Amino acid sequence: MRNNEADTLDQLIEDCTELPQELRSTARSLPEPRAAVPWQVDDANYAQVADLDAYV
């Protein structure tokens, strides 16, 4: 009977890096990230924290 549990941190890292083939990524790459949509604080957002100093 073989102990499948890691005894050292090195063994644990090695075990974690041995992924089965079906779980490994395929040749497909991730899509390019999109540009972030610019945002602005409007009056309604600002009103929510307008009296923040009074609470702090």
Protein backbone atom coordinates (compact mmCIF):
# COMPACT_ATOMS: atom_id res chain seq x y z
CA MET A 1 0.00 0.00 0.00
CA ARG A 2 1.35 3.42 -1.00
CA ASN A 3 0.79 6.60 0.94
CA ASN A 4 -0.58 9.16 -1.52
CA GLU A 5 -0.30 12.07 0.89
CA ALA A 6 2.63 14.44 0.69
CA ASP A 7 5.07 14.35 3.59
CA THR A 8 6.87 17.59 2.75
CA LEU A 9 5.98 20.91 1.21
CA ASP A 10 8.09 20.05 -1.84
CA GLN A 11 6.08 16.86 -2.38
CA LEU A 12 2.83 18.77 -2.01
CA ILE A 13 3.89 21.32 -4.61
CA GLU A 14 4.99 18.54 -6.95
CA ASP A 15 1.65 16.74 -6.48
CA CYS A 16 -0.27 19.93 -7.22
CA THR A 17 1.61 20.56 -10.45
CA GLU A 18 0.89 17.08 -11.83
CA LEU A 19 -2.47 17.80 -13.43
CA PRO A 20 -4.15 15.10 -15.50
CA GLN A 21 -4.05 15.72 -19.25
CA GLU A 22 -7.82 16.31 -19.46
CA LEU A 23 -7.51 19.19 -16.99
CA ARG A 24 -4.62 20.88 -18.74
CA SER A 25 -5.35 23.85 -20.93
CA THR A 26 -5.65 23.31 -24.63
CA ALA A 27 -4.03 25.38 -27.35
CA ARG A 28 -6.81 27.97 -27.07
CA SER A 29 -5.63 31.17 -25.52
CA LEU A 30 -7.64 33.66 -23.53
CA PRO A 31 -9.20 36.57 -25.38
CA GLU A 32 -7.42 39.90 -25.21
CA PRO A 33 -8.64 42.06 -22.33
CA ARG A 34 -11.08 44.79 -23.25
CA ALA A 35 -10.47 48.43 -22.48
CA ALA A 36 -12.02 49.52 -19.21
CA VAL A 37 -15.10 51.67 -19.51
CA PRO A 38 -14.42 55.07 -17.99
CA TRP A 39 -16.61 55.95 -15.04
CA GLN A 40 -17.55 59.10 -13.23
CA VAL A 41 -19.03 59.86 -9.85
CA ASP A 42 -22.40 61.49 -10.28
CA ASP A 43 -24.30 63.58 -7.75
CA ALA A 44 -26.26 60.57 -6.44
CA ASN A 45 -23.04 58.67 -5.70
CA TYR A 46 -21.43 61.70 -4.12
CA ALA A 47 -24.50 62.31 -1.93
CA GLN A 48 -24.08 58.85 -0.40
CA VAL A 49 -20.72 59.82 1.07
CA ALA A 50 -21.18 63.57 1.42
CA ASP A 51 -21.42 63.35 5.23
CA LEU A 52 -18.79 60.64 5.58
CA ASP A 53 -16.63 62.83 7.82
CA ALA A 54 -19.48 63.04 10.31
CA TYR A 55 -19.45 59.23 10.72
CA VAL A 56 -15.66 58.86 11.01
